[in-house]
């Protein structure tokens, strides 16, 4: 985060407490947030509006269990695009609902993606969407010792 956001008070101690509480439970009411950080609900609403406007808070979402929806496992797909295929790989990733994360990265592979699929056959179908545009490497996720978590808010 830019230093100027901390310097101008946008990320003072109270805002950092609000962010920590929201990262732990985004469903907290403004009244409950206020109780936890020592502000009134209207003061919390004003701070949250400012944090959203400044794009410090970029969204609120529910975490859904892929297994509960029939996705048997997750996988990581890395792609080394063929020449001039980087934009096409990004387009295919955006159009593929099984891709839940896609990052353009440095190194030999240009893209790192996380997928959820129902079976090995389903994984093969997803991989086949990308193979015309480059070389793929796939790894099946066995476990996640560090599940998705919020951004560290300390100095």
N, C-alpha and C. Protein backbone atom coordinates (compact mmCIF):
# COMPACT_ATOMS: atom_id res chain seq x y z
N UNK A 1 0.84 -1.18 0.00
CA UNK A 1 0.00 0.00 0.00
C UNK A 1 0.88 1.23 0.00
N UNK A 2 0.47 2.26 -0.70
CA UNK A 2 1.28 3.47 -0.76
C UNK A 2 1.45 4.10 0.61
N UNK A 3 2.63 4.62 0.87
CA UNK A 3 2.91 5.23 2.17
C UNK A 3 1.97 6.40 2.44
N UNK A 4 1.57 7.13 1.40
CA UNK A 4 0.73 8.31 1.61
C UNK A 4 -0.61 7.94 2.21
N UNK A 5 -1.12 6.75 1.99
CA UNK A 5 -2.39 6.35 2.60
C UNK A 5 -2.24 6.22 4.11
N UNK A 6 -1.11 5.73 4.57
CA UNK A 6 -0.88 5.64 6.01
C UNK A 6 -0.63 7.03 6.59
N UNK A 7 0.12 7.86 5.85
CA UNK A 7 0.48 9.17 6.36
C UNK A 7 -0.71 10.11 6.48
N UNK A 8 -1.68 10.01 5.58
CA UNK A 8 -2.80 10.94 5.61
C UNK A 8 -3.93 10.48 6.52
N UNK A 9 -3.72 9.41 7.26
CA UNK A 9 -4.74 8.97 8.20
C UNK A 9 -5.73 7.98 7.63
N UNK A 10 -5.68 7.71 6.34
CA UNK A 10 -6.62 6.76 5.75
C UNK A 10 -6.49 5.40 6.41
N UNK A 11 -5.29 5.06 6.85
CA UNK A 11 -5.08 3.78 7.51
C UNK A 11 -4.57 4.00 8.93
N UNK A 12 -5.31 4.78 9.68
CA UNK A 12 -4.97 4.96 11.08
C UNK A 12 -5.30 3.68 11.85
N UNK A 13 -5.00 3.68 13.14
CA UNK A 13 -5.20 2.48 13.96
C UNK A 13 -6.65 1.99 13.90
N UNK A 14 -7.62 2.90 13.94
CA UNK A 14 -9.03 2.50 13.92
C UNK A 14 -9.40 1.85 12.59
N UNK A 15 -8.94 2.43 11.48
CA UNK A 15 -9.22 1.83 10.18
C UNK A 15 -8.57 0.46 10.05
N UNK A 16 -7.35 0.32 10.58
CA UNK A 16 -6.70 -0.99 10.55
C UNK A 16 -7.48 -2.00 11.38
N UNK A 17 -8.05 -1.58 12.51
CA UNK A 17 -8.89 -2.47 13.31
C UNK A 17 -10.15 -2.85 12.53
N UNK A 18 -10.76 -1.88 11.86
CA UNK A 18 -11.94 -2.18 11.04
C UNK A 18 -11.61 -3.20 9.95
N UNK A 19 -10.48 -3.01 9.28
CA UNK A 19 -10.07 -3.94 8.23
C UNK A 19 -9.83 -5.33 8.79
N UNK A 20 -9.19 -5.41 9.95
CA UNK A 20 -8.94 -6.72 10.57
C UNK A 20 -10.25 -7.42 10.90
N UNK A 21 -11.20 -6.69 11.46
CA UNK A 21 -12.50 -7.28 11.80
C UNK A 21 -13.24 -7.75 10.55
N UNK A 22 -13.22 -6.94 9.50
CA UNK A 22 -13.91 -7.31 8.26
C UNK A 22 -13.24 -8.49 7.57
N UNK A 23 -11.91 -8.55 7.62
CA UNK A 23 -11.24 -9.70 7.02
C UNK A 23 -11.58 -10.98 7.77
N UNK A 24 -11.81 -10.89 9.07
CA UNK A 24 -12.18 -12.07 9.85
C UNK A 24 -13.64 -12.45 9.63
N UNK A 25 -14.51 -11.44 9.45
CA UNK A 25 -15.94 -11.70 9.26
C UNK A 25 -16.57 -10.50 8.55
N UNK A 26 -16.71 -10.59 7.25
CA UNK A 26 -17.25 -9.47 6.45
C UNK A 26 -18.74 -9.27 6.66
N UNK A 27 -19.39 -10.17 7.40
CA UNK A 27 -20.83 -10.04 7.64
C UNK A 27 -21.16 -9.25 8.90
N UNK A 28 -20.17 -8.76 9.60
CA UNK A 28 -20.44 -7.99 10.81
C UNK A 28 -21.25 -6.75 10.46
N UNK A 29 -22.22 -6.44 11.29
CA UNK A 29 -23.00 -5.21 11.09
C UNK A 29 -22.14 -4.01 11.45
N UNK A 30 -22.55 -2.85 10.96
CA UNK A 30 -21.82 -1.64 11.30
C UNK A 30 -21.91 -1.35 12.79
N UNK A 31 -23.04 -1.70 13.39
CA UNK A 31 -23.18 -1.50 14.84
C UNK A 31 -22.18 -2.38 15.59
N UNK A 32 -22.05 -3.65 15.20
CA UNK A 32 -21.11 -4.55 15.85
C UNK A 32 -19.66 -4.11 15.60
N UNK A 33 -19.37 -3.69 14.37
CA UNK A 33 -18.03 -3.16 14.09
C UNK A 33 -17.73 -1.97 15.00
N UNK A 34 -18.71 -1.09 15.15
CA UNK A 34 -18.53 0.08 16.02
C UNK A 34 -18.25 -0.32 17.45
N UNK A 35 -18.98 -1.32 17.96
CA UNK A 35 -18.73 -1.79 19.33
C UNK A 35 -17.30 -2.32 19.47
N UNK A 36 -16.84 -3.01 18.45
CA UNK A 36 -15.51 -3.62 18.53
C UNK A 36 -14.36 -2.62 18.44
N UNK A 37 -14.60 -1.50 17.74
CA UNK A 37 -13.52 -0.52 17.57
C UNK A 37 -13.78 0.80 18.31
N UNK A 38 -14.91 0.89 19.02
CA UNK A 38 -15.18 2.08 19.82
C UNK A 38 -15.72 3.26 19.04
N UNK A 39 -16.56 2.99 18.02
CA UNK A 39 -17.17 4.07 17.23
C UNK A 39 -18.67 3.84 17.12
N UNK A 40 -19.39 4.89 16.76
CA UNK A 40 -20.82 4.74 16.47
C UNK A 40 -20.99 4.10 15.10
N UNK A 41 -22.15 3.52 14.86
CA UNK A 41 -22.43 2.92 13.55
C UNK A 41 -22.30 3.95 12.42
N UNK A 42 -22.81 5.19 12.58
CA UNK A 42 -22.62 6.17 11.50
C UNK A 42 -21.15 6.50 11.24
N UNK A 43 -20.33 6.54 12.29
CA UNK A 43 -18.90 6.81 12.11
C UNK A 43 -18.24 5.64 11.36
N UNK A 44 -18.66 4.43 11.69
CA UNK A 44 -18.14 3.26 10.97
C UNK A 44 -18.54 3.34 9.50
N UNK A 45 -19.80 3.67 9.23
CA UNK A 45 -20.28 3.77 7.85
C UNK A 45 -19.47 4.80 7.07
N UNK A 46 -19.17 5.93 7.69
CA UNK A 46 -18.39 6.97 7.02
C UNK A 46 -16.98 6.48 6.70
N UNK A 47 -16.36 5.80 7.66
CA UNK A 47 -15.01 5.28 7.43
C UNK A 47 -15.01 4.21 6.33
N UNK A 48 -15.99 3.31 6.37
CA UNK A 48 -16.05 2.26 5.34
C UNK A 48 -16.27 2.85 3.96
N UNK A 49 -17.13 3.86 3.87
CA UNK A 49 -17.36 4.52 2.59
C UNK A 49 -16.07 5.11 2.06
N UNK A 50 -15.31 5.75 2.93
CA UNK A 50 -14.03 6.35 2.53
C UNK A 50 -13.03 5.26 2.11
N UNK A 51 -12.97 4.16 2.86
CA UNK A 51 -12.06 3.07 2.52
C UNK A 51 -12.45 2.42 1.18
N UNK A 52 -13.73 2.32 0.92
CA UNK A 52 -14.18 1.79 -0.37
C UNK A 52 -13.85 2.76 -1.50
N UNK A 53 -14.11 4.03 -1.29
CA UNK A 53 -13.82 5.05 -2.30
C UNK A 53 -12.33 5.09 -2.63
N UNK A 54 -11.49 4.94 -1.61
CA UNK A 54 -10.04 4.96 -1.79
C UNK A 54 -9.49 3.62 -2.27
N UNK A 55 -10.37 2.67 -2.50
CA UNK A 55 -10.03 1.33 -2.99
C UNK A 55 -9.11 0.57 -2.05
N UNK A 56 -9.23 0.87 -0.76
CA UNK A 56 -8.56 0.05 0.24
C UNK A 56 -9.39 -1.22 0.43
N UNK A 57 -10.71 -1.05 0.54
CA UNK A 57 -11.64 -2.19 0.53
C UNK A 57 -12.12 -2.33 -0.91
N UNK A 58 -11.86 -3.48 -1.50
CA UNK A 58 -12.19 -3.68 -2.91
C UNK A 58 -13.37 -4.63 -3.12
N UNK A 59 -13.94 -5.17 -2.05
CA UNK A 59 -15.10 -6.02 -2.20
C UNK A 59 -15.39 -6.81 -0.94
N UNK A 60 -16.55 -7.42 -0.95
CA UNK A 60 -16.99 -8.30 0.13
C UNK A 60 -17.47 -9.58 -0.54
N UNK A 61 -17.14 -10.74 0.04
CA UNK A 61 -17.54 -11.99 -0.62
C UNK A 61 -17.75 -13.08 0.39
N UNK A 62 -18.47 -14.10 -0.05
CA UNK A 62 -18.67 -15.30 0.75
C UNK A 62 -17.67 -16.36 0.29
N UNK A 63 -17.11 -17.09 1.22
CA UNK A 63 -16.23 -18.22 0.90
C UNK A 63 -17.14 -19.45 0.78
N UNK A 64 -17.09 -20.12 -0.35
CA UNK A 64 -17.95 -21.27 -0.61
C UNK A 64 -17.07 -22.51 -0.75
N UNK A 65 -17.51 -23.62 -0.16
CA UNK A 65 -16.76 -24.87 -0.24
C UNK A 65 -16.92 -25.49 -1.62
N UNK A 66 -15.83 -25.61 -2.39
CA UNK A 66 -15.93 -26.27 -3.70
C UNK A 66 -16.45 -27.70 -3.58
N UNK A 67 -16.00 -28.44 -2.54
CA UNK A 67 -16.43 -29.83 -2.37
C UNK A 67 -17.95 -29.92 -2.18
N UNK A 68 -18.53 -28.96 -1.47
CA UNK A 68 -19.98 -28.96 -1.26
C UNK A 68 -20.75 -28.79 -2.56
N UNK A 69 -20.09 -28.24 -3.57
CA UNK A 69 -20.72 -28.04 -4.88
C UNK A 69 -20.31 -29.11 -5.89
N UNK A 70 -19.63 -30.15 -5.42
CA UNK A 70 -19.28 -31.27 -6.29
C UNK A 70 -17.93 -31.18 -6.95
N UNK A 71 -17.12 -30.20 -6.59
CA UNK A 71 -15.78 -30.11 -7.15
C UNK A 71 -14.86 -30.96 -6.28
N UNK A 72 -14.44 -32.10 -6.81
CA UNK A 72 -13.70 -33.10 -6.03
C UNK A 72 -12.32 -32.62 -5.62
N UNK A 73 -11.67 -31.83 -6.46
CA UNK A 73 -10.33 -31.38 -6.11
C UNK A 73 -9.96 -30.10 -6.83
N UNK A 74 -8.90 -29.50 -6.30
CA UNK A 74 -8.34 -28.31 -6.90
C UNK A 74 -7.05 -28.65 -7.60
N UNK A 75 -6.66 -27.78 -8.50
CA UNK A 75 -5.41 -27.98 -9.23
C UNK A 75 -4.78 -26.63 -9.51
N UNK A 76 -3.48 -26.67 -9.75
CA UNK A 76 -2.74 -25.50 -10.19
C UNK A 76 -2.31 -25.77 -11.62
N UNK A 77 -2.60 -24.83 -12.48
CA UNK A 77 -2.24 -24.93 -13.89
C UNK A 77 -1.28 -23.78 -14.20
N UNK A 78 -0.09 -24.13 -14.67
CA UNK A 78 0.89 -23.12 -15.10
C UNK A 78 1.00 -23.21 -16.62
N UNK A 79 1.15 -22.06 -17.25
CA UNK A 79 1.21 -22.02 -18.71
C UNK A 79 2.37 -21.18 -19.18
N UNK A 80 3.11 -21.72 -20.12
CA UNK A 80 4.15 -21.00 -20.84
C UNK A 80 3.57 -20.76 -22.24
N UNK A 81 3.02 -19.57 -22.49
CA UNK A 81 2.37 -19.33 -23.78
C UNK A 81 3.34 -19.39 -24.95
N UNK A 82 2.80 -19.79 -26.09
CA UNK A 82 3.53 -19.72 -27.35
C UNK A 82 3.69 -18.23 -27.70
N UNK A 83 4.60 -17.91 -28.63
CA UNK A 83 4.78 -16.50 -29.01
C UNK A 83 3.46 -15.82 -29.38
N UNK A 84 3.28 -14.63 -28.86
CA UNK A 84 2.12 -13.77 -29.13
C UNK A 84 0.79 -14.36 -28.64
N UNK A 85 0.82 -15.29 -27.70
CA UNK A 85 -0.41 -15.90 -27.19
C UNK A 85 -0.79 -15.45 -25.79
N UNK A 86 0.00 -14.58 -25.19
CA UNK A 86 -0.30 -14.13 -23.82
C UNK A 86 -1.72 -13.55 -23.72
N UNK A 87 -2.14 -12.65 -24.60
CA UNK A 87 -3.51 -12.12 -24.48
C UNK A 87 -4.58 -13.21 -24.62
N UNK A 88 -4.34 -14.18 -25.48
CA UNK A 88 -5.34 -15.24 -25.68
C UNK A 88 -5.44 -16.12 -24.44
N UNK A 89 -4.31 -16.44 -23.80
CA UNK A 89 -4.36 -17.23 -22.57
C UNK A 89 -5.17 -16.49 -21.50
N UNK A 90 -4.95 -15.21 -21.36
CA UNK A 90 -5.71 -14.41 -20.38
C UNK A 90 -7.19 -14.43 -20.71
N UNK A 91 -7.55 -14.32 -21.99
CA UNK A 91 -8.95 -14.37 -22.40
C UNK A 91 -9.58 -15.72 -22.07
N UNK A 92 -8.88 -16.81 -22.38
CA UNK A 92 -9.42 -18.15 -22.10
C UNK A 92 -9.59 -18.32 -20.59
N UNK A 93 -8.65 -17.84 -19.80
CA UNK A 93 -8.77 -17.95 -18.34
C UNK A 93 -10.01 -17.21 -17.84
N UNK A 94 -10.25 -15.99 -18.36
CA UNK A 94 -11.43 -15.23 -17.94
C UNK A 94 -12.72 -15.94 -18.33
N UNK A 95 -12.71 -16.68 -19.44
CA UNK A 95 -13.91 -17.35 -19.95
C UNK A 95 -14.12 -18.74 -19.35
N UNK A 96 -13.18 -19.22 -18.55
CA UNK A 96 -13.24 -20.58 -18.00
C UNK A 96 -13.70 -20.52 -16.55
N UNK A 97 -14.93 -20.94 -16.26
CA UNK A 97 -15.46 -20.79 -14.90
C UNK A 97 -14.72 -21.61 -13.85
N UNK A 98 -14.06 -22.67 -14.25
CA UNK A 98 -13.29 -23.48 -13.29
C UNK A 98 -12.06 -22.75 -12.76
N UNK A 99 -11.60 -21.72 -13.47
CA UNK A 99 -10.45 -20.92 -13.03
C UNK A 99 -10.95 -19.92 -11.99
N UNK A 100 -10.49 -20.09 -10.75
CA UNK A 100 -10.91 -19.20 -9.67
C UNK A 100 -9.85 -18.14 -9.35
N UNK A 101 -8.63 -18.34 -9.81
CA UNK A 101 -7.56 -17.35 -9.70
C UNK A 101 -6.69 -17.47 -10.93
N UNK A 102 -6.21 -16.35 -11.43
CA UNK A 102 -5.26 -16.36 -12.53
C UNK A 102 -4.31 -15.19 -12.32
N UNK A 103 -3.03 -15.50 -12.33
CA UNK A 103 -2.01 -14.47 -12.09
C UNK A 103 -0.97 -14.55 -13.20
N UNK A 104 -0.62 -13.39 -13.74
CA UNK A 104 0.51 -13.34 -14.67
C UNK A 104 1.75 -13.20 -13.81
N UNK A 105 2.72 -14.08 -14.02
CA UNK A 105 3.88 -14.16 -13.13
C UNK A 105 5.17 -14.10 -13.93
N UNK A 106 6.26 -13.86 -13.22
CA UNK A 106 7.58 -13.89 -13.85
C UNK A 106 8.10 -15.32 -13.86
N UNK A 107 9.15 -15.55 -14.61
CA UNK A 107 9.75 -16.88 -14.68
C UNK A 107 9.42 -17.54 -16.01
N UNK A 108 9.69 -18.82 -16.09
CA UNK A 108 9.46 -19.55 -17.34
C UNK A 108 7.99 -19.61 -17.72
N UNK A 109 7.12 -19.82 -16.74
CA UNK A 109 5.68 -19.81 -17.00
C UNK A 109 5.19 -18.37 -16.85
N UNK A 110 4.28 -17.98 -17.70
CA UNK A 110 3.76 -16.61 -17.62
C UNK A 110 2.47 -16.52 -16.80
N UNK A 111 1.78 -17.65 -16.61
CA UNK A 111 0.52 -17.64 -15.87
C UNK A 111 0.48 -18.75 -14.84
N UNK A 112 -0.12 -18.44 -13.71
CA UNK A 112 -0.37 -19.39 -12.63
C UNK A 112 -1.86 -19.30 -12.34
N UNK A 113 -2.56 -20.45 -12.42
CA UNK A 113 -4.01 -20.47 -12.20
C UNK A 113 -4.38 -21.52 -11.18
N UNK A 114 -5.40 -21.21 -10.41
CA UNK A 114 -5.99 -22.19 -9.50
C UNK A 114 -7.35 -22.58 -10.07
N UNK A 115 -7.61 -23.88 -10.11
CA UNK A 115 -8.85 -24.42 -10.69
C UNK A 115 -9.56 -25.29 -9.67
N UNK A 116 -10.87 -25.45 -9.85
CA UNK A 116 -11.64 -26.46 -9.13
C UNK A 116 -12.35 -27.29 -10.19
N UNK A 117 -12.20 -28.61 -10.08
CA UNK A 117 -12.80 -29.52 -11.07
C UNK A 117 -13.48 -30.69 -10.37
N UNK A 118 -14.38 -31.36 -11.12
CA UNK A 118 -15.18 -32.45 -10.56
C UNK A 118 -14.48 -33.80 -10.64
N UNK A 119 -13.57 -33.96 -11.61
CA UNK A 119 -12.94 -35.27 -11.83
C UNK A 119 -11.66 -35.08 -12.64
N UNK A 120 -10.91 -36.17 -12.80
CA UNK A 120 -9.71 -36.12 -13.64
C UNK A 120 -10.10 -35.82 -15.08
N UNK A 121 -11.19 -36.41 -15.54
CA UNK A 121 -11.67 -36.12 -16.90
C UNK A 121 -12.03 -34.66 -17.08
N UNK A 122 -12.66 -34.06 -16.08
CA UNK A 122 -13.00 -32.65 -16.11
C UNK A 122 -11.73 -31.80 -16.16
N UNK A 123 -10.71 -32.20 -15.36
CA UNK A 123 -9.43 -31.50 -15.39
C UNK A 123 -8.82 -31.54 -16.79
N UNK A 124 -8.88 -32.70 -17.42
CA UNK A 124 -8.35 -32.84 -18.77
C UNK A 124 -9.06 -31.89 -19.75
N UNK A 125 -10.37 -31.77 -19.63
CA UNK A 125 -11.13 -30.86 -20.49
C UNK A 125 -10.67 -29.41 -20.30
N UNK A 126 -10.44 -29.02 -19.05
CA UNK A 126 -10.00 -27.65 -18.78
C UNK A 126 -8.60 -27.43 -19.35
N UNK A 127 -7.71 -28.37 -19.11
CA UNK A 127 -6.35 -28.24 -19.65
C UNK A 127 -6.38 -28.11 -21.17
N UNK A 128 -7.24 -28.89 -21.81
CA UNK A 128 -7.32 -28.87 -23.27
C UNK A 128 -7.76 -27.52 -23.83
N UNK A 129 -8.40 -26.68 -23.03
CA UNK A 129 -8.77 -25.34 -23.49
C UNK A 129 -7.52 -24.46 -23.65
N UNK A 130 -6.47 -24.79 -22.90
CA UNK A 130 -5.26 -23.96 -22.89
C UNK A 130 -4.14 -24.48 -23.78
N UNK A 131 -4.09 -25.77 -24.05
CA UNK A 131 -2.96 -26.34 -24.78
C UNK A 131 -2.75 -25.77 -26.18
N UNK A 132 -3.78 -25.30 -26.88
CA UNK A 132 -3.49 -24.69 -28.19
C UNK A 132 -2.65 -23.42 -28.11
N UNK A 133 -2.53 -22.83 -26.92
CA UNK A 133 -1.88 -21.53 -26.78
C UNK A 133 -0.53 -21.59 -26.06
N UNK A 134 -0.10 -22.80 -25.68
CA UNK A 134 1.19 -22.90 -25.02
C UNK A 134 1.37 -24.21 -24.29
N UNK A 135 2.48 -24.31 -23.59
CA UNK A 135 2.82 -25.51 -22.83
C UNK A 135 2.27 -25.40 -21.42
N UNK A 136 1.55 -26.43 -20.96
CA UNK A 136 0.95 -26.42 -19.63
C UNK A 136 1.67 -27.38 -18.70
N UNK A 137 1.62 -27.06 -17.42
CA UNK A 137 2.08 -27.94 -16.35
C UNK A 137 0.99 -27.90 -15.29
N UNK A 138 0.56 -29.07 -14.83
CA UNK A 138 -0.55 -29.14 -13.89
C UNK A 138 -0.12 -29.88 -12.63
N UNK A 139 -0.58 -29.39 -11.49
CA UNK A 139 -0.36 -30.04 -10.19
C UNK A 139 -1.71 -30.12 -9.49
N UNK A 140 -1.99 -31.27 -8.89
CA UNK A 140 -3.22 -31.43 -8.12
C UNK A 140 -2.93 -30.97 -6.69
N UNK A 141 -3.85 -30.20 -6.13
CA UNK A 141 -3.70 -29.71 -4.76
C UNK A 141 -4.08 -30.83 -3.80
N UNK A 142 -3.14 -31.21 -2.94
CA UNK A 142 -3.39 -32.25 -1.95
C UNK A 142 -4.03 -31.69 -0.69
N UNK A 143 -3.51 -30.58 -0.20
CA UNK A 143 -4.06 -29.93 0.98
C UNK A 143 -3.63 -28.47 0.95
N UNK A 144 -4.21 -27.69 1.83
CA UNK A 144 -3.90 -26.27 1.91
C UNK A 144 -3.56 -25.91 3.35
N UNK A 145 -2.28 -26.05 3.75
CA UNK A 145 -1.91 -25.73 5.12
C UNK A 145 -2.10 -24.25 5.46
N UNK A 146 -2.12 -23.39 4.45
CA UNK A 146 -2.43 -21.97 4.66
C UNK A 146 -3.59 -21.65 3.72
N UNK A 147 -4.82 -21.76 4.22
CA UNK A 147 -5.97 -21.43 3.36
C UNK A 147 -6.02 -19.93 3.10
N UNK A 148 -6.87 -19.53 2.19
CA UNK A 148 -7.02 -18.11 1.88
C UNK A 148 -7.22 -17.33 3.17
N UNK A 149 -6.50 -16.23 3.28
CA UNK A 149 -6.61 -15.39 4.47
C UNK A 149 -6.46 -13.93 4.07
N UNK A 150 -6.76 -13.06 5.00
CA UNK A 150 -6.66 -11.64 4.74
C UNK A 150 -5.22 -11.17 4.66
N UNK A 151 -5.06 -9.95 4.21
CA UNK A 151 -3.75 -9.31 4.09
C UNK A 151 -3.24 -8.95 5.47
N UNK A 152 -1.97 -9.15 5.72
CA UNK A 152 -1.36 -8.76 7.00
C UNK A 152 -1.46 -7.25 7.16
N UNK A 153 -1.91 -6.80 8.29
CA UNK A 153 -2.14 -5.38 8.52
C UNK A 153 -1.10 -4.73 9.41
N UNK A 154 -0.18 -5.50 9.95
CA UNK A 154 0.87 -4.95 10.81
C UNK A 154 1.96 -4.29 10.01
N UNK A 155 2.83 -3.58 10.72
CA UNK A 155 3.95 -2.91 10.06
C UNK A 155 5.05 -3.87 9.72
